[in-house]
Amino acid sequence: QVQLVESGGGLVQAGGSLRLSCAASGRTSGRYPMGWSRQAPGKEREFVAAISRSGSITYHNSVKGRFTISRDNAMNTVYLQMNSLKPEDTAVYYCSAAESIGTVVAGHADYWGQGTQVTVSS
């Protein structure tokens, strides 16, 4: 079993930055690909970014050039640095982990965090 705990959400003005963190715990948590998804009010959850243990990265087109995903394998933590934030980035952001990065990208991860709210004001 893997537990995921997100932190770092908050309220920021458009153009600002936030850094989300996701700490993973559990016996094998360090070997899983991990990622971030988000769900805005009234919308379905959508993939944002994913990273494998070796550092292979995939982004949703809407965040390329603005968001950066990274991980610290020693700390079993994944980060999402979000720059140039827009009001349409407002959502609950969820951390996830799965056996394969493809599963993370598809939104069918085995493990999910509780979510952290990101609100971008115009």
C-alpha atoms as a PDB file:
ATOM      1  CA  GLN A   1       0.000   0.000   0.000  1.00  0.00           C
ATOM      2  CA  VAL A   2       1.190   3.505  -0.862  1.00  0.00           C
ATOM      3  CA  GLN A   3       0.050   6.677   0.855  1.00  0.00           C
ATOM      4  CA  LEU A   4       0.317  10.054  -0.883  1.00  0.00           C
ATOM      5  CA  VAL A   5       0.068  13.406   0.872  1.00  0.00           C
ATOM      6  CA  GLU A   6      -0.017  16.654  -1.105  1.00  0.00           C
ATOM      7  CA  SER A   7       0.846  20.119   0.147  1.00  0.00           C
ATOM      8  CA  GLY A   8       1.560  23.577  -1.225  1.00  0.00           C
ATOM      9  CA  GLY A   9      -1.764  24.668  -2.668  1.00  0.00           C
ATOM     10  CA  GLY A  10      -3.224  28.098  -2.066  1.00  0.00           C
ATOM     11  CA  LEU A  11      -4.479  31.342  -3.549  1.00  0.00           C
ATOM     12  CA  VAL A  12      -2.309  33.244  -6.016  1.00  0.00           C
ATOM     13  CA  GLN A  13      -2.822  36.033  -8.525  1.00  0.00           C
ATOM     14  CA  ALA A  14      -2.619  35.385 -12.234  1.00  0.00           C
ATOM     15  CA  GLY A  15       0.999  35.325 -13.360  1.00  0.00           C
ATOM     16  CA  GLY A  16       2.179  34.071 -10.002  1.00  0.00           C
ATOM     17  CA  SER A  17       3.788  30.800  -8.954  1.00  0.00           C
ATOM     18  CA  LEU A  18       3.139  27.922  -6.600  1.00  0.00           C
ATOM     19  CA  ARG A  19       5.040  24.744  -5.797  1.00  0.00           C
ATOM     20  CA  LEU A  20       3.152  21.594  -4.925  1.00  0.00           C
ATOM     21  CA  SER A  21       4.731  18.677  -3.100  1.00  0.00           C
ATOM     22  CA  CYS A  22       3.615  15.086  -2.770  1.00  0.00           C
ATOM     23  CA  ALA A  23       5.211  12.831  -0.191  1.00  0.00           C
ATOM     24  CA  ALA A  24       4.859   9.101  -0.765  1.00  0.00           C
ATOM     25  CA  SER A  25       5.137   6.483   1.938  1.00  0.00           C
ATOM     26  CA  GLY A  26       4.866   2.734   1.890  1.00  0.00           C
ATOM     27  CA  ARG A  27       7.212  -0.148   1.383  1.00  0.00           C
ATOM     28  CA  THR A  28       7.658   0.184  -2.392  1.00  0.00           C
ATOM     29  CA  SER A  29       6.573   3.785  -2.966  1.00  0.00           C
ATOM     30  CA  GLY A  30       9.965   4.893  -4.246  1.00  0.00           C
ATOM     31  CA  ARG A  31       9.826   2.776  -7.393  1.00  0.00           C
ATOM     32  CA  TYR A  32       6.531   4.009  -8.799  1.00  0.00           C
ATOM     33  CA  PRO A  33       6.028   6.498 -11.614  1.00  0.00           C
ATOM     34  CA  MET A  34       4.168   9.458 -10.164  1.00  0.00           C
ATOM     35  CA  GLY A  35       2.170  12.338 -11.487  1.00  0.00           C
ATOM     36  CA  TRP A  36      -0.297  15.155 -11.028  1.00  0.00           C
ATOM     37  CA  SER A  37      -3.854  15.511 -12.215  1.00  0.00           C
ATOM     38  CA  ARG A  38      -6.392  18.248 -11.567  1.00  0.00           C
ATOM     39  CA  GLN A  39     -10.136  18.686 -11.397  1.00  0.00           C
ATOM     40  CA  ALA A  40     -11.817  22.030 -11.861  1.00  0.00           C
ATOM     41  CA  PRO A  41     -15.381  22.659 -10.649  1.00  0.00           C
ATOM     42  CA  GLY A  42     -17.886  21.043 -12.984  1.00  0.00           C
ATOM     43  CA  LYS A  43     -15.198  19.355 -15.061  1.00  0.00           C
ATOM     44  CA  GLU A  44     -13.695  15.917 -15.253  1.00  0.00           C
ATOM     45  CA  ARG A  45     -10.299  15.228 -13.767  1.00  0.00           C
ATOM     46  CA  GLU A  46      -7.488  15.758 -16.288  1.00  0.00           C
ATOM     47  CA  PHE A  47      -3.857  14.715 -16.475  1.00  0.00           C
ATOM     48  CA  VAL A  48      -1.250  17.434 -15.847  1.00  0.00           C
ATOM     49  CA  ALA A  49       2.217  15.876 -15.645  1.00  0.00           C
ATOM     50  CA  ALA A  50       3.963  12.593 -14.891  1.00  0.00           C
ATOM     51  CA  ILE A  51       7.504  11.443 -14.149  1.00  0.00           C
ATOM     52  CA  SER A  52       9.072   8.006 -14.066  1.00  0.00           C
ATOM     53  CA  ARG A  53      11.595   6.886 -11.476  1.00  0.00           C
ATOM     54  CA  SER A  54      14.372   7.438 -14.039  1.00  0.00           C
ATOM     55  CA  GLY A  55      13.140  10.945 -14.833  1.00  0.00           C
ATOM     56  CA  SER A  56      11.180  10.521 -18.064  1.00  0.00           C
ATOM     57  CA  ILE A  57       8.558  13.274 -18.130  1.00  0.00           C
ATOM     58  CA  THR A  58       5.232  13.852 -19.859  1.00  0.00           C
ATOM     59  CA  TYR A  59       3.136  17.046 -19.738  1.00  0.00           C
ATOM     60  CA  HIS A  60      -0.339  18.006 -20.826  1.00  0.00           C
ATOM     61  CA  ASN A  61      -0.058  20.509 -23.656  1.00  0.00           C
ATOM     62  CA  SER A  62      -1.840  23.206 -21.651  1.00  0.00           C
ATOM     63  CA  VAL A  63       0.954  23.372 -19.051  1.00  0.00           C
ATOM     64  CA  LYS A  64       4.058  22.871 -21.204  1.00  0.00           C
ATOM     65  CA  GLY A  65       6.554  25.658 -20.663  1.00  0.00           C
ATOM     66  CA  ARG A  66       4.823  26.799 -17.466  1.00  0.00           C
ATOM     67  CA  PHE A  67       4.845  23.763 -15.151  1.00  0.00           C
ATOM     68  CA  THR A  68       7.818  21.617 -14.181  1.00  0.00           C
ATOM     69  CA  ILE A  69       7.548  18.218 -12.538  1.00  0.00           C
ATOM     70  CA  SER A  70      10.472  16.742 -10.628  1.00  0.00           C
ATOM     71  CA  ARG A  71      11.115  14.079  -8.031  1.00  0.00           C
ATOM     72  CA  ASP A  72      13.503  13.333  -5.225  1.00  0.00           C
ATOM     73  CA  ASN A  73      13.767   9.554  -5.054  1.00  0.00           C
ATOM     74  CA  ALA A  74      15.687   9.635  -1.789  1.00  0.00           C
ATOM     75  CA  MET A  75      12.826  11.553  -0.183  1.00  0.00           C
ATOM     76  CA  ASN A  76      10.051   9.722  -2.090  1.00  0.00           C
ATOM     77  CA  THR A  77       8.676  13.119  -3.025  1.00  0.00           C
ATOM     78  CA  VAL A  78       7.422  14.557  -6.299  1.00  0.00           C
ATOM     79  CA  TYR A  79       7.062  18.268  -6.955  1.00  0.00           C
ATOM     80  CA  LEU A  80       5.097  20.423  -9.362  1.00  0.00           C
ATOM     81  CA  GLN A  81       6.490  23.903  -9.901  1.00  0.00           C
ATOM     82  CA  MET A  82       3.765  26.029 -11.446  1.00  0.00           C
ATOM     83  CA  ASN A  83       4.715  29.360 -13.017  1.00  0.00           C
ATOM     84  CA  SER A  84       2.759  31.924 -15.034  1.00  0.00           C
ATOM     85  CA  LEU A  85      -0.441  30.667 -13.463  1.00  0.00           C
ATOM     86  CA  LYS A  86      -3.739  31.437 -15.161  1.00  0.00           C
ATOM     87  CA  PRO A  87      -7.283  31.523 -13.749  1.00  0.00           C
ATOM     88  CA  GLU A  88      -8.043  28.405 -15.800  1.00  0.00           C
ATOM     89  CA  ASP A  89      -5.435  26.538 -13.727  1.00  0.00           C
ATOM     90  CA  THR A  90      -7.791  26.793 -10.750  1.00  0.00           C
ATOM     91  CA  ALA A  91      -8.571  23.250  -9.603  1.00  0.00           C
ATOM     92  CA  VAL A  92      -7.982  20.637  -6.961  1.00  0.00           C
ATOM     93  CA  TYR A  93      -4.626  19.059  -7.767  1.00  0.00           C
ATOM     94  CA  TYR A  94      -4.135  15.370  -7.040  1.00  0.00           C
ATOM     95  CA  CYS A  95      -0.931  13.385  -6.779  1.00  0.00           C
ATOM     96  CA  SER A  96      -0.966   9.827  -8.086  1.00  0.00           C
ATOM     97  CA  ALA A  97       1.253   6.779  -8.393  1.00  0.00           C
ATOM     98  CA  ALA A  98       1.022   3.576 -10.424  1.00  0.00           C
ATOM     99  CA  GLU A  99       3.034   0.653 -11.765  1.00  0.00           C
ATOM    100  CA  SER A 100       3.466   2.312 -15.161  1.00  0.00           C
ATOM    101  CA  ILE A 101       3.728   5.909 -16.328  1.00  0.00           C
ATOM    102  CA  GLY A 102       1.129   5.184 -18.971  1.00  0.00           C
ATOM    103  CA  THR A 103      -1.368   4.335 -16.273  1.00  0.00           C
ATOM    104  CA  VAL A 104      -0.629   7.605 -14.503  1.00  0.00           C
ATOM    105  CA  VAL A 105      -1.095   9.576 -17.736  1.00  0.00           C
ATOM    106  CA  ALA A 106      -4.366   7.786 -18.457  1.00  0.00           C
ATOM    107  CA  GLY A 107      -5.731   8.729 -15.063  1.00  0.00           C
ATOM    108  CA  HIS A 108      -6.052   5.146 -13.860  1.00  0.00           C
ATOM    109  CA  ALA A 109      -3.424   5.310 -11.144  1.00  0.00           C
ATOM    110  CA  ASP A 110      -3.482   2.790  -8.321  1.00  0.00           C
ATOM    111  CA  TYR A 111      -2.902   5.368  -5.604  1.00  0.00           C
ATOM    112  CA  TRP A 112      -4.192   8.909  -5.120  1.00  0.00           C
ATOM    113  CA  GLY A 113      -3.667  11.666  -2.600  1.00  0.00           C
ATOM    114  CA  GLN A 114      -6.460  13.651  -0.999  1.00  0.00           C
ATOM    115  CA  GLY A 115      -5.895  16.696  -3.206  1.00  0.00           C
ATOM    116  CA  THR A 116      -4.810  20.275  -2.635  1.00  0.00           C
ATOM    117  CA  GLN A 117      -6.722  23.349  -3.807  1.00  0.00           C
ATOM    118  CA  VAL A 118      -5.073  25.811  -6.175  1.00  0.00           C
ATOM    119  CA  THR A 119      -6.964  29.024  -6.845  1.00  0.00           C
ATOM    120  CA  VAL A 120      -5.712  31.612  -9.338  1.00  0.00           C
ATOM    121  CA  SER A 121      -7.405  34.992  -9.226  1.00  0.00           C
ATOM    122  CA  SER A 122      -7.602  37.284 -12.241  1.00  0.00           C
END
